[in-house]
């Protein structure tokens, strides 16, 4: 039996798509990476109204949180943390202040005001 080069009716000839053959140019280079800085979280900035409102809530919480009992202080500080997260968005400073306020006898330190002041200081100014 002689082998023929004729394709039989069940064979399929596969060839590369014409676009892959016709375009010999290399792909364009990727864009250069952008540097990551510590102010990436603050890139959008915060409005002055949000910052003033957050500072008011923080100072109110630091002065009013003293008369509650131990369990009341923890619940109160978690509520204050939730309100400040709602006003300012997720910020690491607020997370640290929430943890610090939950520790007994550390709550007398004005950590809410310091956290909001730190966020305010790092907030980019509108020019």
N, C-alpha and C. Protein backbone atom coordinates (compact mmCIF):
# COMPACT_ATOMS: atom_id res chain seq x y z
N UNK A 1 0.83 -1.15 0.00
CA UNK A 1 0.00 0.00 0.00
C UNK A 1 0.89 1.24 0.00
N UNK A 2 0.68 2.06 -0.94
CA UNK A 2 1.50 3.25 -1.09
C UNK A 2 0.87 4.40 -0.31
N UNK A 3 1.74 5.15 0.36
CA UNK A 3 1.26 6.28 1.15
C UNK A 3 1.16 7.50 0.24
N UNK A 4 0.04 8.18 0.31
CA UNK A 4 -0.15 9.35 -0.54
C UNK A 4 -0.17 10.60 0.32
N UNK A 5 0.18 11.71 -0.29
CA UNK A 5 0.17 12.99 0.42
C UNK A 5 -1.17 13.69 0.31
N UNK A 6 -2.11 13.04 -0.21
CA UNK A 6 -3.44 13.59 -0.35
C UNK A 6 -4.15 13.52 1.01
N UNK A 7 -4.78 14.63 1.45
CA UNK A 7 -5.53 14.55 2.70
C UNK A 7 -6.80 13.74 2.49
N UNK A 8 -7.08 12.92 3.46
CA UNK A 8 -8.33 12.19 3.33
C UNK A 8 -9.47 13.06 3.86
N UNK A 9 -10.65 12.61 3.75
CA UNK A 9 -11.80 13.45 4.05
C UNK A 9 -11.97 13.72 5.55
N UNK A 10 -11.33 12.98 6.43
CA UNK A 10 -11.47 13.18 7.87
C UNK A 10 -10.35 14.02 8.48
N UNK A 11 -9.35 14.38 7.75
CA UNK A 11 -8.24 15.15 8.31
C UNK A 11 -8.52 16.65 8.20
N UNK A 12 -7.99 17.39 9.16
CA UNK A 12 -8.15 18.84 9.20
C UNK A 12 -6.77 19.46 9.19
N UNK A 13 -6.59 20.44 8.34
CA UNK A 13 -5.31 21.12 8.27
C UNK A 13 -5.36 22.34 9.18
N UNK A 14 -4.41 22.45 10.12
CA UNK A 14 -4.37 23.55 11.08
C UNK A 14 -3.25 24.49 10.68
N UNK A 15 -3.59 25.76 10.57
CA UNK A 15 -2.58 26.76 10.25
C UNK A 15 -2.74 27.93 11.21
N UNK A 16 -1.65 28.67 11.48
CA UNK A 16 -1.75 29.81 12.40
C UNK A 16 -2.63 30.91 11.79
N UNK A 17 -3.24 31.72 12.65
CA UNK A 17 -4.07 32.81 12.13
C UNK A 17 -3.21 33.81 11.35
N UNK A 18 -3.77 34.44 10.33
CA UNK A 18 -2.97 35.34 9.50
C UNK A 18 -2.45 36.56 10.24
N UNK A 19 -3.11 37.03 11.27
CA UNK A 19 -2.65 38.20 12.01
C UNK A 19 -1.34 37.91 12.74
N UNK A 20 -1.17 36.70 13.22
CA UNK A 20 0.05 36.35 13.93
C UNK A 20 1.24 36.30 12.98
N UNK A 21 1.02 35.96 11.76
CA UNK A 21 2.11 35.87 10.79
C UNK A 21 2.44 37.26 10.23
N UNK A 22 1.43 38.08 10.00
CA UNK A 22 1.62 39.35 9.32
C UNK A 22 2.24 40.44 10.21
N UNK A 23 2.21 40.34 11.53
CA UNK A 23 2.69 41.40 12.42
C UNK A 23 4.02 41.00 13.06
N UNK A 24 5.16 41.32 12.43
CA UNK A 24 6.46 40.93 13.01
C UNK A 24 6.98 41.92 14.06
N UNK A 25 6.30 43.06 14.29
CA UNK A 25 6.80 44.05 15.24
C UNK A 25 6.62 43.56 16.68
N UNK A 26 7.55 43.90 17.57
CA UNK A 26 7.43 43.47 18.98
C UNK A 26 6.33 44.27 19.68
N UNK A 27 5.81 43.72 20.76
CA UNK A 27 4.77 44.46 21.50
C UNK A 27 5.36 45.70 22.16
N UNK A 28 4.53 46.71 22.45
CA UNK A 28 5.08 47.93 23.09
C UNK A 28 5.53 47.63 24.51
N UNK A 29 6.53 48.37 24.98
CA UNK A 29 7.03 48.12 26.35
C UNK A 29 5.97 48.52 27.38
N UNK A 30 5.98 47.86 28.55
CA UNK A 30 5.02 48.22 29.59
C UNK A 30 5.35 49.59 30.17
N UNK A 31 4.36 50.27 30.74
CA UNK A 31 4.64 51.59 31.33
C UNK A 31 5.54 51.44 32.56
N UNK A 32 6.31 52.47 32.88
CA UNK A 32 7.20 52.36 34.05
C UNK A 32 6.37 52.26 35.33
N UNK A 33 6.88 51.54 36.32
CA UNK A 33 6.13 51.40 37.57
C UNK A 33 6.07 52.73 38.32
N UNK A 34 4.96 52.95 38.98
CA UNK A 34 4.81 54.17 39.77
C UNK A 34 5.35 53.90 41.17
N UNK A 35 6.05 54.86 41.76
CA UNK A 35 6.59 54.63 43.11
C UNK A 35 5.47 54.61 44.14
N UNK A 36 5.59 53.70 45.09
CA UNK A 36 4.61 53.60 46.17
C UNK A 36 5.14 54.39 47.35
N UNK A 37 4.33 55.31 47.85
CA UNK A 37 4.74 56.11 48.99
C UNK A 37 3.80 55.86 50.16
N UNK A 38 4.11 56.44 51.28
CA UNK A 38 3.29 56.25 52.47
C UNK A 38 1.96 56.98 52.36
N UNK A 39 1.85 57.92 51.43
CA UNK A 39 0.62 58.69 51.33
C UNK A 39 -0.33 58.15 50.28
N UNK A 40 -0.17 56.88 49.89
CA UNK A 40 -1.08 56.30 48.90
C UNK A 40 -2.50 56.27 49.44
N UNK A 41 -2.66 55.97 50.71
CA UNK A 41 -4.00 55.94 51.29
C UNK A 41 -4.63 57.32 51.32
N UNK A 42 -3.82 58.38 51.35
CA UNK A 42 -4.33 59.74 51.41
C UNK A 42 -4.36 60.41 50.05
N UNK A 43 -4.19 59.64 48.97
CA UNK A 43 -4.10 60.23 47.65
C UNK A 43 -5.37 60.99 47.29
N UNK A 44 -6.52 60.50 47.70
CA UNK A 44 -7.76 61.18 47.36
C UNK A 44 -7.96 62.42 48.21
N UNK A 45 -7.40 62.47 49.40
CA UNK A 45 -7.58 63.60 50.28
C UNK A 45 -8.93 63.54 50.98
N UNK A 46 -9.07 64.32 52.01
CA UNK A 46 -10.31 64.39 52.77
C UNK A 46 -10.78 65.83 52.79
N UNK A 47 -12.08 66.01 52.80
CA UNK A 47 -12.61 67.37 52.85
C UNK A 47 -12.40 67.95 54.26
N UNK A 48 -12.40 69.26 54.31
CA UNK A 48 -12.23 69.94 55.59
C UNK A 48 -13.40 69.62 56.52
N UNK A 49 -14.59 69.47 55.97
CA UNK A 49 -15.76 69.14 56.78
C UNK A 49 -15.59 67.79 57.47
N UNK A 50 -15.09 66.81 56.74
CA UNK A 50 -14.88 65.48 57.34
C UNK A 50 -13.83 65.53 58.43
N UNK A 51 -12.76 66.27 58.20
CA UNK A 51 -11.70 66.35 59.21
C UNK A 51 -12.18 67.07 60.47
N UNK A 52 -12.93 68.15 60.31
CA UNK A 52 -13.43 68.88 61.48
C UNK A 52 -14.45 68.03 62.23
N UNK A 53 -15.32 67.34 61.49
CA UNK A 53 -16.31 66.46 62.13
C UNK A 53 -15.62 65.33 62.89
N UNK A 54 -14.60 64.72 62.29
CA UNK A 54 -13.87 63.64 62.95
C UNK A 54 -13.15 64.15 64.20
N UNK A 55 -12.58 65.33 64.12
CA UNK A 55 -11.90 65.89 65.30
C UNK A 55 -12.90 66.20 66.41
N UNK A 56 -14.08 66.65 66.06
CA UNK A 56 -15.12 66.88 67.06
C UNK A 56 -15.57 65.59 67.73
N UNK A 57 -15.77 64.54 66.93
CA UNK A 57 -16.16 63.24 67.50
C UNK A 57 -15.06 62.70 68.39
N UNK A 58 -13.81 62.83 67.95
CA UNK A 58 -12.68 62.31 68.73
C UNK A 58 -12.52 63.06 70.05
N UNK A 59 -12.63 64.37 70.02
CA UNK A 59 -12.48 65.12 71.28
C UNK A 59 -13.66 64.87 72.21
N UNK A 60 -14.86 64.73 71.65
CA UNK A 60 -16.02 64.39 72.46
C UNK A 60 -15.84 63.02 73.11
N UNK A 61 -15.32 62.05 72.35
CA UNK A 61 -15.13 60.70 72.87
C UNK A 61 -14.05 60.65 73.94
N UNK A 62 -12.98 61.42 73.76
CA UNK A 62 -11.90 61.39 74.75
C UNK A 62 -12.30 62.07 76.06
N UNK A 63 -13.20 63.03 76.00
CA UNK A 63 -13.62 63.68 77.24
C UNK A 63 -14.80 62.96 77.89
N UNK A 64 -15.68 62.35 77.11
CA UNK A 64 -16.87 61.73 77.66
C UNK A 64 -16.66 60.27 78.06
N UNK A 65 -15.66 59.61 77.54
CA UNK A 65 -15.48 58.18 77.80
C UNK A 65 -15.08 57.83 79.21
N UNK A 66 -14.73 58.77 80.05
CA UNK A 66 -14.24 58.49 81.39
C UNK A 66 -15.32 57.97 82.34
N UNK A 67 -16.57 58.50 82.38
CA UNK A 67 -17.50 58.08 83.43
C UNK A 67 -18.11 56.69 83.26
N UNK A 68 -17.96 56.03 82.14
CA UNK A 68 -18.54 54.71 81.95
C UNK A 68 -17.77 53.65 82.73
N UNK A 69 -18.41 52.48 82.95
CA UNK A 69 -17.71 51.36 83.57
C UNK A 69 -16.76 50.72 82.57
N UNK A 70 -16.07 49.67 83.00
CA UNK A 70 -15.06 49.05 82.13
C UNK A 70 -15.68 48.48 80.85
N UNK A 71 -16.77 47.75 80.97
CA UNK A 71 -17.42 47.19 79.77
C UNK A 71 -18.05 48.29 78.94
N UNK A 72 -18.60 49.29 79.59
CA UNK A 72 -19.19 50.42 78.87
C UNK A 72 -18.17 51.19 78.07
N UNK A 73 -16.96 51.31 78.61
CA UNK A 73 -15.90 52.03 77.91
C UNK A 73 -15.51 51.27 76.64
N UNK A 74 -15.41 49.96 76.72
CA UNK A 74 -15.03 49.18 75.55
C UNK A 74 -16.09 49.29 74.47
N UNK A 75 -17.36 49.16 74.83
CA UNK A 75 -18.44 49.28 73.86
C UNK A 75 -18.48 50.69 73.29
N UNK A 76 -18.32 51.70 74.15
CA UNK A 76 -18.31 53.09 73.71
C UNK A 76 -17.17 53.34 72.73
N UNK A 77 -15.97 52.83 73.03
CA UNK A 77 -14.83 53.04 72.14
C UNK A 77 -14.99 52.30 70.82
N UNK A 78 -15.59 51.14 70.83
CA UNK A 78 -15.86 50.44 69.56
C UNK A 78 -16.86 51.23 68.71
N UNK A 79 -17.86 51.82 69.36
CA UNK A 79 -18.82 52.66 68.62
C UNK A 79 -18.14 53.91 68.05
N UNK A 80 -17.27 54.53 68.85
CA UNK A 80 -16.54 55.70 68.36
C UNK A 80 -15.63 55.32 67.19
N UNK A 81 -14.97 54.18 67.31
CA UNK A 81 -14.13 53.70 66.21
C UNK A 81 -14.94 53.48 64.95
N UNK A 82 -16.13 52.91 65.09
CA UNK A 82 -16.99 52.68 63.93
C UNK A 82 -17.41 54.01 63.30
N UNK A 83 -17.76 54.99 64.12
CA UNK A 83 -18.17 56.30 63.59
C UNK A 83 -17.00 56.98 62.88
N UNK A 84 -15.81 56.92 63.47
CA UNK A 84 -14.65 57.55 62.82
C UNK A 84 -14.25 56.83 61.55
N UNK A 85 -14.39 55.50 61.52
CA UNK A 85 -14.14 54.77 60.28
C UNK A 85 -15.16 55.16 59.21
N UNK A 86 -16.41 55.41 59.62
CA UNK A 86 -17.43 55.83 58.66
C UNK A 86 -17.15 57.23 58.13
N UNK A 87 -16.60 58.10 58.96
CA UNK A 87 -16.32 59.48 58.53
C UNK A 87 -15.06 59.54 57.67
N UNK A 88 -13.98 58.89 58.11
CA UNK A 88 -12.68 59.04 57.47
C UNK A 88 -12.29 57.88 56.56
N UNK A 89 -13.03 56.80 56.59
CA UNK A 89 -12.62 55.61 55.85
C UNK A 89 -11.61 54.83 56.66
N UNK A 90 -11.14 53.71 56.10
CA UNK A 90 -10.18 52.89 56.83
C UNK A 90 -8.83 53.58 56.87
N UNK A 91 -8.35 53.82 58.06
CA UNK A 91 -7.02 54.39 58.30
C UNK A 91 -6.35 53.57 59.38
N UNK A 92 -5.08 53.31 59.20
CA UNK A 92 -4.34 52.49 60.16
C UNK A 92 -4.27 53.19 61.51
N UNK A 93 -4.20 54.51 61.51
CA UNK A 93 -4.14 55.24 62.77
C UNK A 93 -5.38 54.99 63.61
N UNK A 94 -6.53 54.91 62.97
CA UNK A 94 -7.77 54.64 63.71
C UNK A 94 -7.80 53.22 64.25
N UNK A 95 -7.22 52.30 63.51
CA UNK A 95 -7.14 50.92 63.98
C UNK A 95 -6.28 50.83 65.24
N UNK A 96 -5.14 51.51 65.22
CA UNK A 96 -4.27 51.53 66.40
C UNK A 96 -4.94 52.20 67.59
N UNK A 97 -5.68 53.27 67.32
CA UNK A 97 -6.37 53.97 68.41
C UNK A 97 -7.47 53.10 69.00
N UNK A 98 -8.17 52.33 68.16
CA UNK A 98 -9.21 51.43 68.66
C UNK A 98 -8.62 50.37 69.57
N UNK A 99 -7.50 49.81 69.18
CA UNK A 99 -6.83 48.80 70.01
C UNK A 99 -6.32 49.43 71.31
N UNK A 100 -5.73 50.62 71.21
CA UNK A 100 -5.20 51.28 72.40
C UNK A 100 -6.31 51.66 73.38
N UNK A 101 -7.45 52.08 72.87
CA UNK A 101 -8.55 52.46 73.75
C UNK A 101 -9.18 51.25 74.44
N UNK A 102 -9.03 50.06 73.86
CA UNK A 102 -9.61 48.86 74.46
C UNK A 102 -8.75 48.32 75.61
N UNK A 103 -7.51 48.76 75.71
CA UNK A 103 -6.63 48.31 76.78
C UNK A 103 -6.93 49.11 78.05
N UNK A 104 -7.15 48.44 79.19
CA UNK A 104 -7.46 49.18 80.42
C UNK A 104 -6.35 50.16 80.80
N UNK A 105 -6.74 51.30 81.31
CA UNK A 105 -5.88 52.39 81.78
C UNK A 105 -5.10 53.09 80.67
N UNK A 106 -5.20 52.63 79.44
CA UNK A 106 -4.60 53.36 78.33
C UNK A 106 -5.63 54.32 77.77
N UNK A 107 -6.90 54.08 78.07
CA UNK A 107 -7.98 54.91 77.58
C UNK A 107 -7.96 56.33 78.12
N UNK A 108 -7.20 56.60 79.17
CA UNK A 108 -7.13 57.97 79.69
C UNK A 108 -6.25 58.84 78.80
N UNK A 109 -5.45 58.22 77.95
CA UNK A 109 -4.61 58.94 77.00
C UNK A 109 -5.49 59.35 75.81
N UNK A 110 -5.39 60.57 75.31
CA UNK A 110 -6.29 61.02 74.22
C UNK A 110 -5.91 60.45 72.86
N UNK A 111 -6.03 59.14 72.71
CA UNK A 111 -5.58 58.50 71.48
C UNK A 111 -6.48 58.80 70.29
N UNK A 112 -7.79 59.04 70.51
CA UNK A 112 -8.66 59.39 69.39
C UNK A 112 -8.25 60.72 68.77
N UNK A 113 -8.00 61.71 69.62
CA UNK A 113 -7.62 63.02 69.11
C UNK A 113 -6.27 62.95 68.40
N UNK A 114 -5.34 62.20 68.96
CA UNK A 114 -4.02 62.07 68.32
C UNK A 114 -4.11 61.34 66.99
N UNK A 115 -4.97 60.33 66.90
CA UNK A 115 -5.13 59.61 65.63
C UNK A 115 -5.72 60.51 64.56
N UNK A 116 -6.75 61.27 64.90
CA UNK A 116 -7.36 62.17 63.93
C UNK A 116 -6.40 63.30 63.57
N UNK A 117 -5.65 63.80 64.54
CA UNK A 117 -4.66 64.85 64.25
C UNK A 117 -3.56 64.33 63.33
N UNK A 118 -3.18 63.07 63.50
CA UNK A 118 -2.19 62.47 62.62
C UNK A 118 -2.72 62.33 61.19
N UNK A 119 -3.97 61.94 61.07
CA UNK A 119 -4.58 61.84 59.74
C UNK A 119 -4.70 63.22 59.11
N UNK A 120 -5.07 64.21 59.90
CA UNK A 120 -5.20 65.58 59.40
C UNK A 120 -3.84 66.10 58.92
N UNK A 121 -2.78 65.82 59.66
CA UNK A 121 -1.45 66.29 59.29
C UNK A 121 -0.96 65.64 58.00
N UNK A 122 -1.34 64.41 57.76
CA UNK A 122 -0.90 63.70 56.55
C UNK A 122 -1.81 63.95 55.36
N UNK A 123 -2.93 64.62 55.57
CA UNK A 123 -3.88 64.86 54.48
C UNK A 123 -3.30 65.90 53.52
N UNK A 124 -3.31 65.59 52.21
CA UNK A 124 -2.75 66.56 51.26
C UNK A 124 -3.64 67.81 51.19
N UNK A 125 -3.00 68.94 51.09
CA UNK A 125 -3.72 70.20 51.03
C UNK A 125 -4.14 70.48 49.58
N UNK A 126 -5.32 71.02 49.42
CA UNK A 126 -5.77 71.42 48.07
C UNK A 126 -5.07 72.72 47.69
N UNK A 127 -4.44 72.72 46.53
CA UNK A 127 -3.69 73.91 46.11
C UNK A 127 -4.38 74.60 44.98
